[in-house]
Structures are given as structure tokens and as C-alpha cells.
């Protein structure tokens, strides 16, 4: 079974992303097509561009970078659960992407975004541009959650039918791409 790593891209105190991420992880596990791992960047606490060498060299000195490298390398596909900060990608997610390089290559990535009226889609568009530099394949299919605050009750995300229907569509597409790209990752 291929491994899907779900990454929560917000590290702010009081963030809503945990509720959204936990909902998505349960949906992904129930879907049954991937071995699902959940990663919270707040728990990883990656230093901001903390390595002295460029990530393409894979000469990591920090234990946090070595552990992050192993996590990213082990995945066959990703889903980024991300808010929109000032119309773009949260800095913690950008830093997580920039900490390693080759480990992302030839892997598909899907997006679960949340925000106000836009549902975080501007952040997704910005992140899609970035991930293509890693030779990742961003999915068109996504889960967008506008006005997310209205859907969280007692710390639990209460999805609606549109959200629930979007999840398997994105996961099915992620699986196709993860399988198709696997020979390229194995070279």
C-alpha cells in the first residue's frame, strides 16, 4: 500500500487547522487506498532555513532536518492542509518545503484548504507554483473550505456534503499519480 503523508501547514496558536486535518485524516483512512501518516509542522518545529548547505546536497546537519528528510522521503504522496495567510502560503509550510529538496521529487500533492470567502484557494495556487520546482505534481482536484469557522463546533470540523464528496475524488486521483510516478521515484 502506498503511503500518504498529510501535512498540517499552520503552526499558529489557536489555529483551526487541527480540526480540519483530523477530519481529513479520518476520511483518508476510511477511503482505504493509502497508508496514512499525519504530520503537524508545529510538532516538528523546523528551524527557519537552519541548514548551512543547500538542500539539494542532502548534507543535513540538524537532527530535525534529518528526521524531516526521512519523513518526506518515505511518502509516496502528500496532502497539504493549509490556511491562507495574507493571500498566500503559510510560512511554516514554505519552510517545510524548503528544508529538503530531492525527497519531494516525483510525488503528487493534493490540497485541503480553508479560509474565508476564498476557502484558501489563493494559498493553494501559490503553493502549486512552488511545488512544481520540486518536480511534484499538484492535483487539480481539491477540498476547499470557505467560511471554515462556521463549520467548527467544540474543536471539531463539521463537514458538509460538498466537502465529503470532494475527498474521494482527490484521493482517487492522488493514487493514480502516485502509482504512475513510482517508477520515476525508484530510479
C-alpha atoms as a PDB file:
ATOM      1  CA  UNK A   1       0.000   0.000   0.000  1.00  0.00           C
ATOM      2  CA  UNK A   2       1.327   3.436  -0.919  1.00  0.00           C
ATOM      3  CA  UNK A   3       1.982   5.956   1.831  1.00  0.00           C
ATOM      4  CA  UNK A   4       0.116   9.249   2.003  1.00  0.00           C
ATOM      5  CA  UNK A   5       1.550  11.898   4.316  1.00  0.00           C
ATOM      6  CA  UNK A   6      -0.930  14.564   5.389  1.00  0.00           C
ATOM      7  CA  UNK A   7       0.860  17.733   6.488  1.00  0.00           C
ATOM      8  CA  UNK A   8      -0.787  20.444   8.555  1.00  0.00           C
ATOM      9  CA  UNK A   9       0.804  23.669   7.331  1.00  0.00           C
ATOM     10  CA  UNK A  10      -0.206  26.054  10.110  1.00  0.00           C
ATOM     11  CA  UNK A  11       1.704  26.414  13.373  1.00  0.00           C
ATOM     12  CA  UNK A  12      -0.225  29.301  14.949  1.00  0.00           C
ATOM     13  CA  UNK A  13      -1.652  29.009  18.431  1.00  0.00           C
ATOM     14  CA  UNK A  14      -5.435  28.786  18.228  1.00  0.00           C
ATOM     15  CA  UNK A  15      -5.355  27.512  14.655  1.00  0.00           C
ATOM     16  CA  UNK A  16      -8.361  25.790  13.130  1.00  0.00           C
ATOM     17  CA  UNK A  17      -6.209  23.523  11.012  1.00  0.00           C
ATOM     18  CA  UNK A  18      -6.081  20.749  13.576  1.00  0.00           C
ATOM     19  CA  UNK A  19      -9.840  20.213  13.370  1.00  0.00           C
ATOM     20  CA  UNK A  20      -9.763  20.218   9.568  1.00  0.00           C
ATOM     21  CA  UNK A  21      -6.688  17.955   9.422  1.00  0.00           C
ATOM     22  CA  UNK A  22      -8.141  15.390  11.849  1.00  0.00           C
ATOM     23  CA  UNK A  23     -11.357  15.282   9.818  1.00  0.00           C
ATOM     24  CA  UNK A  24      -9.420  14.761   6.588  1.00  0.00           C
ATOM     25  CA  UNK A  25      -7.099  12.101   8.031  1.00  0.00           C
ATOM     26  CA  UNK A  26     -10.123  10.092   9.188  1.00  0.00           C
ATOM     27  CA  UNK A  27     -11.706  10.412   5.738  1.00  0.00           C
ATOM     28  CA  UNK A  28      -8.441   9.350   4.070  1.00  0.00           C
ATOM     29  CA  UNK A  29      -8.068   6.328   6.337  1.00  0.00           C
ATOM     30  CA  UNK A  30     -11.706   5.355   5.748  1.00  0.00           C
ATOM     31  CA  UNK A  31     -11.101   5.598   1.996  1.00  0.00           C
ATOM     32  CA  UNK A  32      -8.627   2.725   2.401  1.00  0.00           C
ATOM     33  CA  UNK A  33      -6.342   3.348  -0.578  1.00  0.00           C
ATOM     34  CA  UNK A  34      -3.306   4.655   1.324  1.00  0.00           C
ATOM     35  CA  UNK A  35      -1.363   4.031   4.484  1.00  0.00           C
ATOM     36  CA  UNK A  36      -1.982   7.477   6.020  1.00  0.00           C
ATOM     37  CA  UNK A  37       0.512   9.352   8.197  1.00  0.00           C
ATOM     38  CA  UNK A  38      -0.350  12.668   9.848  1.00  0.00           C
ATOM     39  CA  UNK A  39       2.365  15.282  10.375  1.00  0.00           C
ATOM     40  CA  UNK A  40       1.830  18.505  12.306  1.00  0.00           C
ATOM     41  CA  UNK A  41       4.527  21.058  11.446  1.00  0.00           C
ATOM     42  CA  UNK A  42       4.062  22.655  14.851  1.00  0.00           C
ATOM     43  CA  UNK A  43       5.332  19.448  16.465  1.00  0.00           C
ATOM     44  CA  UNK A  44       8.255  19.238  14.017  1.00  0.00           C
ATOM     45  CA  UNK A  45       9.429  22.766  14.852  1.00  0.00           C
ATOM     46  CA  UNK A  46      11.736  23.026  11.832  1.00  0.00           C
ATOM     47  CA  UNK A  47      14.200  25.918  12.150  1.00  0.00           C
ATOM     48  CA  UNK A  48      13.835  28.618   9.508  1.00  0.00           C
ATOM     49  CA  UNK A  49      16.348  27.720   6.796  1.00  0.00           C
ATOM     50  CA  UNK A  50      18.558  26.242   9.525  1.00  0.00           C
ATOM     51  CA  UNK A  51      20.884  24.138   7.383  1.00  0.00           C
ATOM     52  CA  UNK A  52      24.267  25.542   6.274  1.00  0.00           C
ATOM     53  CA  UNK A  53      24.198  23.571   2.990  1.00  0.00           C
ATOM     54  CA  UNK A  54      21.693  23.785   0.161  1.00  0.00           C
ATOM     55  CA  UNK A  55      19.024  21.052   0.492  1.00  0.00           C
ATOM     56  CA  UNK A  56      19.824  19.648  -2.961  1.00  0.00           C
ATOM     57  CA  UNK A  57      23.133  18.375  -1.499  1.00  0.00           C
ATOM     58  CA  UNK A  58      21.350  16.290   1.196  1.00  0.00           C
ATOM     59  CA  UNK A  59      24.148  17.132   3.678  1.00  0.00           C
ATOM     60  CA  UNK A  60      21.862  17.714   6.628  1.00  0.00           C
ATOM     61  CA  UNK A  61      23.479  18.557   9.952  1.00  0.00           C
ATOM     62  CA  UNK A  62      20.449  19.209  12.148  1.00  0.00           C
ATOM     63  CA  UNK A  63      18.564  16.263  13.631  1.00  0.00           C
ATOM     64  CA  UNK A  64      15.273  17.991  12.803  1.00  0.00           C
ATOM     65  CA  UNK A  65      16.270  18.149   9.125  1.00  0.00           C
ATOM     66  CA  UNK A  66      17.389  14.515   9.093  1.00  0.00           C
ATOM     67  CA  UNK A  67      14.090  13.406  10.617  1.00  0.00           C
ATOM     68  CA  UNK A  68      12.122  15.608   8.209  1.00  0.00           C
ATOM     69  CA  UNK A  69      14.100  14.219   5.270  1.00  0.00           C
ATOM     70  CA  UNK A  70      13.197  10.656   6.312  1.00  0.00           C
ATOM     71  CA  UNK A  71       9.510  11.550   6.709  1.00  0.00           C
ATOM     72  CA  UNK A  72       9.241  13.235   3.316  1.00  0.00           C
ATOM     73  CA  UNK A  73      11.341  10.569   1.592  1.00  0.00           C
ATOM     74  CA  UNK A  74       9.113   7.742   2.906  1.00  0.00           C
ATOM     75  CA  UNK A  75       5.942   9.205   1.421  1.00  0.00           C
ATOM     76  CA  UNK A  76       4.518   8.338  -1.987  1.00  0.00           C
ATOM     77  CA  UNK A  77       2.028  11.215  -1.994  1.00  0.00           C
ATOM     78  CA  UNK A  78       1.080  14.227   0.092  1.00  0.00           C
ATOM     79  CA  UNK A  79      -1.906  16.281   1.105  1.00  0.00           C
ATOM     80  CA  UNK A  80      -1.231  19.738   2.484  1.00  0.00           C
ATOM     81  CA  UNK A  81      -3.889  21.007   4.882  1.00  0.00           C
ATOM     82  CA  UNK A  82      -3.383  24.723   4.648  1.00  0.00           C
ATOM     83  CA  UNK A  83      -4.938  28.030   5.567  1.00  0.00           C
ATOM     84  CA  UNK A  84      -4.371  31.172   3.570  1.00  0.00           C
ATOM     85  CA  UNK A  85      -2.148  33.791   5.204  1.00  0.00           C
ATOM     86  CA  UNK A  86      -2.207  37.188   3.511  1.00  0.00           C
ATOM     87  CA  UNK A  87      -3.345  35.657   0.208  1.00  0.00           C
ATOM     88  CA  UNK A  88      -0.545  33.087   0.124  1.00  0.00           C
ATOM     89  CA  UNK A  89       1.099  30.014   1.655  1.00  0.00           C
ATOM     90  CA  UNK A  90       1.775  29.909   5.405  1.00  0.00           C
ATOM     91  CA  UNK A  91       5.486  30.489   6.156  1.00  0.00           C
ATOM     92  CA  UNK A  92       5.777  27.220   8.109  1.00  0.00           C
ATOM     93  CA  UNK A  93       4.712  25.248   5.031  1.00  0.00           C
ATOM     94  CA  UNK A  94       7.105  27.180   2.792  1.00  0.00           C
ATOM     95  CA  UNK A  95       9.924  26.458   5.243  1.00  0.00           C
ATOM     96  CA  UNK A  96       8.997  22.759   5.404  1.00  0.00           C
ATOM     97  CA  UNK A  97       9.152  22.593   1.625  1.00  0.00           C
ATOM     98  CA  UNK A  98      12.481  24.444   1.508  1.00  0.00           C
ATOM     99  CA  UNK A  99      14.155  22.349   4.221  1.00  0.00           C
ATOM    100  CA  UNK A 100      14.598  19.380   1.851  1.00  0.00           C
ATOM    101  CA  UNK A 101      14.609  19.059  -1.922  1.00  0.00           C
ATOM    102  CA  UNK A 102      15.052  15.656  -3.601  1.00  0.00           C
ATOM    103  CA  UNK A 103      12.737  13.966  -1.112  1.00  0.00           C
ATOM    104  CA  UNK A 104       9.721  15.730  -2.709  1.00  0.00           C
ATOM    105  CA  UNK A 105      10.607  14.828  -6.299  1.00  0.00           C
ATOM    106  CA  UNK A 106       8.163  12.876  -8.491  1.00  0.00           C
ATOM    107  CA  UNK A 107       5.407  12.785  -5.913  1.00  0.00           C
ATOM    108  CA  UNK A 108       1.828  14.043  -6.259  1.00  0.00           C
ATOM    109  CA  UNK A 109       0.304  16.518  -3.843  1.00  0.00           C
ATOM    110  CA  UNK A 110      -3.296  17.325  -3.062  1.00  0.00           C
ATOM    111  CA  UNK A 111      -4.686  20.239  -1.088  1.00  0.00           C
ATOM    112  CA  UNK A 112      -7.241  20.724   1.647  1.00  0.00           C
ATOM    113  CA  UNK A 113      -7.514  24.473   2.067  1.00  0.00           C
ATOM    114  CA  UNK A 114      -9.572  26.588   4.397  1.00  0.00           C
ATOM    115  CA  UNK A 115     -10.176  30.274   4.776  1.00  0.00           C
ATOM    116  CA  UNK A 116     -12.764  32.999   4.406  1.00  0.00           C
ATOM    117  CA  UNK A 117     -14.671  33.599   1.212  1.00  0.00           C
ATOM    118  CA  UNK A 118     -11.865  32.137  -0.935  1.00  0.00           C
ATOM    119  CA  UNK A 119     -11.583  28.898   1.039  1.00  0.00           C
ATOM    120  CA  UNK A 120      -7.803  29.221   0.871  1.00  0.00           C
ATOM    121  CA  UNK A 121      -7.564  28.735  -2.892  1.00  0.00           C
ATOM    122  CA  UNK A 122      -5.164  31.664  -3.353  1.00  0.00           C
ATOM    123  CA  UNK A 123      -2.719  29.945  -0.994  1.00  0.00           C
ATOM    124  CA  UNK A 124      -3.148  26.713  -2.948  1.00  0.00           C
ATOM    125  CA  UNK A 125      -2.373  28.476  -6.223  1.00  0.00           C
ATOM    126  CA  UNK A 126       0.795  29.979  -4.731  1.00  0.00           C
ATOM    127  CA  UNK A 127       1.848  26.617  -3.294  1.00  0.00           C
ATOM    128  CA  UNK A 128       1.212  24.834  -6.589  1.00  0.00           C
ATOM    129  CA  UNK A 129       3.699  27.133  -8.280  1.00  0.00           C
ATOM    130  CA  UNK A 130       6.272  26.348  -5.611  1.00  0.00           C
ATOM    131  CA  UNK A 131       5.872  22.561  -5.642  1.00  0.00           C
ATOM    132  CA  UNK A 132       6.430  22.325  -9.374  1.00  0.00           C
ATOM    133  CA  UNK A 133      10.020  23.480  -8.728  1.00  0.00           C
ATOM    134  CA  UNK A 134      10.433  20.244  -6.738  1.00  0.00           C
ATOM    135  CA  UNK A 135       9.094  18.236  -9.709  1.00  0.00           C
ATOM    136  CA  UNK A 136       5.961  17.434  -7.747  1.00  0.00           C
ATOM    137  CA  UNK A 137       2.602  17.035  -9.454  1.00  0.00           C
ATOM    138  CA  UNK A 138      -0.123  19.196  -7.865  1.00  0.00           C
ATOM    139  CA  UNK A 139      -3.637  17.825  -8.182  1.00  0.00           C
ATOM    140  CA  UNK A 140      -6.411  19.871  -9.715  1.00  0.00           C
ATOM    141  CA  UNK A 141      -8.936  18.029  -7.566  1.00  0.00           C
ATOM    142  CA  UNK A 142      -9.000  19.563  -4.087  1.00  0.00           C
ATOM    143  CA  UNK A 143     -11.033  20.127  -0.959  1.00  0.00           C
ATOM    144  CA  UNK A 144     -11.726  23.840  -0.440  1.00  0.00           C
ATOM    145  CA  UNK A 145     -13.441  25.016   2.725  1.00  0.00           C
ATOM    146  CA  UNK A 146     -14.734  28.604   2.681  1.00  0.00           C
ATOM    147  CA  UNK A 147     -16.010  30.191   5.894  1.00  0.00           C
ATOM    148  CA  UNK A 148     -14.462  27.339   7.866  1.00  0.00           C
ATOM    149  CA  UNK A 149     -15.060  28.994  11.253  1.00  0.00           C
ATOM    150  CA  UNK A 150     -18.800  28.431  10.840  1.00  0.00           C
ATOM    151  CA  UNK A 151     -18.146  24.699  10.498  1.00  0.00           C
ATOM    152  CA  UNK A 152     -16.137  24.125  13.676  1.00  0.00           C
ATOM    153  CA  UNK A 153     -18.049  23.204  16.811  1.00  0.00           C
ATOM    154  CA  UNK A 154     -16.226  22.416  20.044  1.00  0.00           C
ATOM    155  CA  UNK A 155     -12.939  21.960  18.178  1.00  0.00           C
ATOM    156  CA  UNK A 156     -14.452  19.510  15.687  1.00  0.00           C
ATOM    157  CA  UNK A 157     -14.829  20.251  11.973  1.00  0.00           C
ATOM    158  CA  UNK A 158     -18.368  19.564  10.737  1.00  0.00           C
ATOM    159  CA  UNK A 159     -18.081  18.953   7.014  1.00  0.00           C
ATOM    160  CA  UNK A 160     -20.910  19.250   4.548  1.00  0.00           C
ATOM    161  CA  UNK A 161     -21.814  17.106   1.562  1.00  0.00           C
ATOM    162  CA  UNK A 162     -19.593  19.088  -0.830  1.00  0.00           C
ATOM    163  CA  UNK A 163     -16.527  18.548   1.346  1.00  0.00           C
ATOM    164  CA  UNK A 164     -17.292  14.869   1.840  1.00  0.00           C
ATOM    165  CA  UNK A 165     -17.760  14.274  -1.900  1.00  0.00           C
ATOM    166  CA  UNK A 166     -14.518  16.096  -2.788  1.00  0.00           C
ATOM    167  CA  UNK A 167     -12.305  13.870  -0.606  1.00  0.00           C
ATOM    168  CA  UNK A 168     -12.555  10.545  -2.507  1.00  0.00           C
ATOM    169  CA  UNK A 169     -12.272  12.321  -5.866  1.00  0.00           C
ATOM    170  CA  UNK A 170      -8.960  13.869  -4.804  1.00  0.00           C
ATOM    171  CA  UNK A 171      -7.685  10.671  -3.171  1.00  0.00           C
ATOM    172  CA  UNK A 172      -8.514   8.584  -6.248  1.00  0.00           C
ATOM    173  CA  UNK A 173      -6.554  10.996  -8.413  1.00  0.00           C
ATOM    174  CA  UNK A 174      -3.641  11.088  -5.956  1.00  0.00           C
ATOM    175  CA  UNK A 175      -3.474   7.302  -6.062  1.00  0.00           C
ATOM    176  CA  UNK A 176      -3.354   7.231  -9.865  1.00  0.00           C
ATOM    177  CA  UNK A 177      -0.498   9.733  -9.924  1.00  0.00           C
ATOM    178  CA  UNK A 178       1.390   8.108  -7.044  1.00  0.00           C
ATOM    179  CA  UNK A 179       1.268   4.774  -8.877  1.00  0.00           C
ATOM    180  CA  UNK A 180       2.231   6.337 -12.215  1.00  0.00           C
ATOM    181  CA  UNK A 181       5.180   8.258 -10.734  1.00  0.00           C
ATOM    182  CA  UNK A 182       6.501   5.349  -8.646  1.00  0.00           C
ATOM    183  CA  UNK A 183       8.879   4.075 -11.356  1.00  0.00           C
ATOM    184  CA  UNK A 184      10.413   7.550 -11.580  1.00  0.00           C
ATOM    185  CA  UNK A 185      10.896   7.658  -7.787  1.00  0.00           C
ATOM    186  CA  UNK A 186      12.603   4.259  -7.826  1.00  0.00           C
ATOM    187  CA  UNK A 187      15.344   5.278 -10.262  1.00  0.00           C
END
